[in-house]
Amino acid sequence: MVESEGAGTGMTRLEKTGSRRLERISYPAGEEAFQGLFGTPKESRPPLVVLFHEYLGMEQQTMDKAMDLVGQGFAVFVPDLYGRNIRPRNHQEAYPHYRYLKAHPRVMAERAQLGVDQAMACVNFQTQAGIAVLGFSMGGWAALGVAGWHPDIRLAVSVYGYLNGLTRLDRLACDLLIIHGLRDKIVARSDLRMFQDLAGRCRDRCDLVLYDRVGHGFCNPSLEPDPVLGNFYDKAHHEKAWRRIVAAVKQMGQL
């Protein structure tokens, strides 16, 4: 469905507090080393959210989203998709690592799966609430790529994510929430058509939300506007999408 703009109430403030700190977790993969972020609320068996970072890696805005999710009552793990010593400071530094993963989707899938494994290890996974995988842009691609990999993944959320070779989403057993802006010039139109086709055939488990006045990156406050690519941040739609994401995860975990 296409949603028109609306104000709505504000989202939970994204801020660092003493009760919502993220712990750095190092983990190996063969000869490579990775370092993710983990946070958990006081609840003993909370739903688990695996939040995949975007193109620029472990940005502050990703950490802010992770801390907000912890504040909402979820355990959260942010996998490292680039490597422990790769922390891009700008687009120029991030581009080679992004292009490598884009050209090697199997490597991306392996790193995403490793991230889910590590997340489960962090919480000593024993919960009926299940796992939600969530990502924005490149992270949305990672979330969709790993969605069918583990039976405990019950929800996959992709926000302006792309497919890059993932063509059998209809085989996934989990629920899907897919959010896009119709002014997005980065995600291929063929990808969007596949999402629309899937939503038409699998309405009981695929929720496709289209916003008509935003483009790529509208949930990223640190994004620099780029009219050519349709990239710009939009606070109102960020808040609207975030509320929808949190509600979907809560419904999965029955919080």
Protein backbone atom coordinates (compact mmCIF):
# COMPACT_ATOMS: atom_id res chain seq x y z
CA MET A 1 0.00 0.00 0.00
CA VAL A 2 1.06 3.63 -0.51
CA GLU A 3 0.75 5.77 2.59
CA SER A 4 0.29 9.52 2.44
CA GLU A 5 2.14 11.82 4.80
CA GLY A 6 0.94 12.30 8.36
CA ALA A 7 2.39 13.89 11.46
CA GLY A 8 1.72 11.37 14.23
CA THR A 9 3.40 11.33 17.61
CA GLY A 10 7.15 11.46 18.12
CA MET A 11 9.32 8.39 18.38
CA THR A 12 11.16 7.43 21.53
CA ARG A 13 14.18 9.69 21.90
CA LEU A 14 17.38 8.09 20.68
CA GLU A 15 19.98 8.80 23.35
CA LYS A 16 22.72 7.21 25.39
CA THR A 17 21.79 6.41 28.98
CA GLY A 18 23.45 4.44 31.73
CA SER A 19 20.82 1.71 31.47
CA ARG A 20 21.09 1.36 27.70
CA ARG A 21 24.75 0.84 26.92
CA LEU A 22 26.07 -1.33 24.14
CA GLU A 23 28.83 -3.83 24.72
CA ARG A 24 31.47 -4.49 22.07
CA ILE A 25 31.64 -8.19 21.21
CA SER A 26 34.59 -9.55 19.26
CA TYR A 27 34.17 -12.76 17.28
CA PRO A 28 36.26 -14.61 14.67
CA ALA A 29 35.45 -16.08 11.27
CA GLY A 30 38.38 -18.14 10.11
CA GLU A 31 41.35 -15.79 9.99
CA GLU A 32 39.17 -12.67 10.02
CA ALA A 33 38.10 -10.79 13.13
CA PHE A 34 34.81 -8.93 13.62
CA GLN A 35 33.40 -6.74 16.38
CA GLY A 36 29.67 -6.29 16.86
CA LEU A 37 27.57 -4.46 19.40
CA PHE A 38 25.24 -6.07 21.95
CA GLY A 39 22.68 -4.66 24.35
CA THR A 40 19.93 -6.26 26.42
CA PRO A 41 17.18 -5.05 28.78
CA LYS A 42 16.58 -6.43 32.25
CA GLU A 43 14.02 -8.95 31.01
CA SER A 44 15.40 -12.48 31.22
CA ARG A 45 14.05 -13.74 27.89
CA PRO A 46 13.39 -10.78 25.59
CA PRO A 47 12.82 -11.00 21.84
CA LEU A 48 16.09 -10.83 19.92
CA VAL A 49 16.67 -8.27 17.16
CA VAL A 50 19.65 -8.57 14.83
CA LEU A 51 20.20 -5.09 13.38
CA PHE A 52 22.45 -4.94 10.30
CA HIS A 53 24.36 -1.73 9.68
CA GLU A 54 24.27 0.37 6.53
CA TYR A 55 26.86 1.25 3.91
CA LEU A 56 28.93 3.43 6.28
CA GLY A 57 29.27 0.69 8.89
CA MET A 58 28.96 1.19 12.63
CA GLU A 59 27.61 4.74 12.49
CA GLN A 60 26.26 6.58 15.49
CA GLN A 61 22.76 6.47 14.00
CA THR A 62 22.93 2.66 13.96
CA MET A 63 24.02 2.61 17.60
CA ASP A 64 21.20 5.03 18.44
CA LYS A 65 18.64 2.71 16.85
CA ALA A 66 20.12 -0.25 18.73
CA MET A 67 19.91 1.57 22.06
CA ASP A 68 16.34 2.61 21.37
CA LEU A 69 15.39 -1.02 20.68
CA VAL A 70 16.95 -2.06 23.99
CA GLY A 71 14.87 0.63 25.65
CA GLN A 72 11.78 -0.87 24.00
CA GLY A 73 12.51 -4.21 25.72
CA PHE A 74 14.49 -6.13 23.08
CA ALA A 75 17.89 -7.78 23.14
CA VAL A 76 19.85 -6.33 20.20
CA PHE A 77 22.96 -7.41 18.35
CA VAL A 78 24.57 -5.35 15.56
CA PRO A 79 26.78 -7.66 13.47
CA ASP A 80 29.96 -6.37 11.89
CA LEU A 81 29.73 -6.87 8.12
CA TYR A 82 33.09 -5.29 7.22
CA GLY A 83 35.66 -6.44 9.79
CA ARG A 84 36.95 -5.31 13.16
CA ASN A 85 39.57 -2.93 11.78
CA ILE A 86 37.36 -1.45 9.07
CA ARG A 87 35.54 1.61 10.37
CA PRO A 88 34.88 3.96 7.45
CA ARG A 89 34.85 7.68 8.23
CA ASN A 90 33.23 8.72 4.95
CA HIS A 91 31.74 7.41 1.72
CA GLN A 92 35.11 7.19 0.01
CA GLU A 93 36.47 4.85 2.69
CA ALA A 94 33.29 2.75 2.79
CA TYR A 95 32.87 2.29 -0.95
CA PRO A 96 35.50 -0.46 -1.58
CA HIS A 97 34.13 -2.62 1.24
CA TYR A 98 30.55 -2.11 0.12
CA ARG A 99 31.43 -2.92 -3.48
CA TYR A 100 33.22 -6.09 -2.39
CA LEU A 101 30.12 -7.39 -0.60
CA LYS A 102 27.87 -6.31 -3.47
CA ALA A 103 30.05 -8.31 -5.86
CA HIS A 104 30.27 -11.31 -3.50
CA PRO A 105 26.75 -11.93 -2.12
CA ARG A 106 27.80 -15.29 -0.71
CA VAL A 107 30.34 -13.55 1.54
CA MET A 108 27.62 -11.15 2.67
CA ALA A 109 25.31 -14.07 3.44
CA GLU A 110 28.03 -15.85 5.42
CA ARG A 111 28.79 -12.74 7.47
CA ALA A 112 25.10 -12.14 8.10
CA GLN A 113 24.61 -15.73 9.23
CA LEU A 114 27.65 -15.44 11.47
CA GLY A 115 26.08 -12.34 12.99
CA VAL A 116 22.88 -14.23 13.81
CA ASP A 117 24.94 -17.04 15.35
CA GLN A 118 26.81 -14.55 17.52
CA ALA A 119 23.58 -12.82 18.53
CA MET A 120 22.12 -16.13 19.68
CA ALA A 121 25.28 -16.89 21.63
CA CYS A 122 25.08 -13.51 23.39
CA VAL A 123 21.63 -14.26 24.80
CA ASN A 124 22.20 -18.00 25.21
CA PHE A 125 19.21 -18.23 22.90
CA GLN A 126 16.31 -19.98 24.61
CA THR A 127 13.17 -17.99 23.94
CA GLN A 128 9.83 -18.59 22.33
CA ALA A 129 9.74 -14.96 21.20
CA GLY A 130 11.91 -15.69 18.17
CA ILE A 131 14.37 -13.56 16.24
CA ALA A 132 13.76 -10.49 14.11
CA VAL A 133 16.34 -9.47 11.51
CA LEU A 134 16.30 -5.79 10.57
CA GLY A 135 18.29 -3.58 8.24
CA PHE A 136 18.28 -0.35 6.30
CA SER A 137 19.68 -0.09 2.74
CA MET A 138 22.64 -2.50 2.59
CA GLY A 139 21.52 -3.82 5.97
CA GLY A 140 18.08 -4.54 4.53
CA TRP A 141 19.73 -6.67 1.86
CA ALA A 142 21.59 -8.57 4.61
CA ALA A 143 18.35 -9.07 6.58
CA LEU A 144 16.51 -10.48 3.56
CA GLY A 145 19.48 -12.66 2.67
CA VAL A 146 19.59 -14.31 6.09
CA ALA A 147 15.82 -14.44 6.70
CA GLY A 148 15.29 -18.02 5.57
CA TRP A 149 18.46 -19.37 7.08
CA HIS A 150 17.34 -20.17 10.66
CA PRO A 151 13.93 -21.52 11.77
CA ASP A 152 13.81 -19.19 14.78
CA ILE A 153 13.88 -16.10 12.52
CA ARG A 154 10.22 -15.14 12.56
CA LEU A 155 10.37 -11.61 11.14
CA ALA A 156 12.53 -9.91 8.52
CA VAL A 157 12.38 -6.12 8.14
CA SER A 158 13.99 -4.38 5.17
CA VAL A 159 13.83 -0.58 4.92
CA TYR A 160 14.86 0.70 1.47
CA GLY A 161 16.90 -2.48 1.12
CA TYR A 162 17.71 -4.15 -2.18
CA LEU A 163 17.80 -7.73 -3.44
CA ASN A 164 21.03 -8.23 -5.42
CA GLY A 165 20.30 -11.78 -6.51
CA LEU A 166 17.80 -12.79 -3.82
CA THR A 167 14.92 -14.00 -5.99
CA ARG A 168 13.02 -16.58 -3.91
CA LEU A 169 11.58 -14.53 -1.09
CA ASP A 170 8.33 -16.43 -1.56
CA ARG A 171 10.05 -19.47 -0.05
CA LEU A 172 10.68 -17.74 3.27
CA ALA A 173 8.69 -19.06 6.21
CA CYS A 174 8.99 -15.88 8.30
CA ASP A 175 6.87 -12.73 8.16
CA LEU A 176 8.20 -9.81 6.10
CA LEU A 177 7.91 -6.05 6.60
CA ILE A 178 9.29 -4.13 3.63
CA ILE A 179 9.35 -0.31 3.64
CA HIS A 180 10.32 1.90 0.69
CA GLY A 181 10.10 5.46 -0.55
CA LEU A 182 8.80 5.86 -4.09
CA ARG A 183 11.39 8.56 -4.86
CA ASP A 184 14.23 6.11 -4.22
CA LYS A 185 16.64 6.05 -7.19
CA ILE A 186 19.12 3.56 -5.69
CA VAL A 187 16.94 0.48 -5.24
CA ALA A 188 16.23 -0.94 -8.69
CA ARG A 189 12.66 -0.67 -9.93
CA SER A 190 12.83 -4.37 -10.74
CA ASP A 191 13.45 -5.05 -7.04
CA LEU A 192 10.44 -2.96 -6.07
CA ARG A 193 8.26 -4.81 -8.58
CA MET A 194 9.35 -8.11 -7.04
CA PHE A 195 8.42 -6.82 -3.59
CA GLN A 196 5.04 -5.70 -4.89
CA ASP A 197 4.44 -9.06 -6.57
CA LEU A 198 5.38 -10.90 -3.38
CA ALA A 199 3.08 -8.72 -1.28
CA GLY A 200 0.24 -9.42 -3.69
CA ARG A 201 0.73 -13.19 -3.48
CA CYS A 202 1.62 -13.49 0.22
CA ARG A 203 -0.58 -10.92 1.92
CA ASP A 204 -0.87 -12.98 5.08
CA ARG A 205 2.83 -12.68 5.83
CA CYS A 206 4.27 -9.85 3.71
CA ASP A 207 3.50 -6.23 4.60
CA LEU A 208 4.75 -3.79 1.95
CA VAL A 209 4.66 -0.11 2.95
CA LEU A 210 5.36 2.55 0.31
CA TYR A 211 5.79 6.23 1.16
CA ASP A 212 5.15 8.47 -1.81
CA ARG A 213 7.23 11.58 -0.92
CA VAL A 214 10.54 10.16 0.30
CA GLY A 215 13.53 8.50 -1.32
CA HIS A 216 16.50 6.44 -0.19
CA GLY A 217 17.91 6.89 3.30
CA PHE A 218 14.96 8.73 4.80
CA CYS A 219 15.56 7.02 8.17
CA ASN A 220 19.21 8.08 8.42
CA PRO A 221 19.64 11.43 10.24
CA SER A 222 23.33 11.62 9.26
CA LEU A 223 22.60 11.32 5.53
CA GLU A 224 23.79 14.13 3.27
CA PRO A 225 21.05 15.01 0.74
CA ASP A 226 21.68 13.94 -2.84
CA PRO A 227 18.84 14.96 -5.20
CA VAL A 228 20.38 13.03 -8.10
CA LEU A 229 20.13 9.71 -6.24
CA GLY A 230 16.94 10.60 -4.37
CA ASN A 231 18.72 10.50 -1.00
CA PHE A 232 17.39 12.66 1.82
CA TYR A 233 16.45 12.32 5.48
CA ASP A 234 12.82 12.86 6.47
CA LYS A 235 12.14 13.06 10.20
CA ALA A 236 8.38 12.52 10.01
CA HIS A 237 8.68 9.38 7.90
CA HIS A 238 11.60 8.14 9.99
CA GLU A 239 9.39 8.30 13.05
CA LYS A 240 6.43 6.73 11.27
CA ALA A 241 8.53 3.84 9.91
CA TRP A 242 10.26 3.31 13.26
CA ARG A 243 6.96 3.03 15.11
CA ARG A 244 5.81 0.46 12.57
CA ILE A 245 9.02 -1.54 12.95
CA VAL A 246 8.85 -1.57 16.76
CA ALA A 247 5.18 -2.59 16.65
CA ALA A 248 5.98 -5.49 14.29
CA VAL A 249 8.77 -6.78 16.56
CA LYS A 250 6.56 -6.44 19.63
CA GLN A 251 3.83 -8.38 17.89
CA MET A 252 6.34 -11.09 17.01
CA GLY A 253 7.46 -11.27 20.64
CA GLN A 254 3.95 -10.64 21.99
CA LEU A 255 5.21 -7.87 24.26
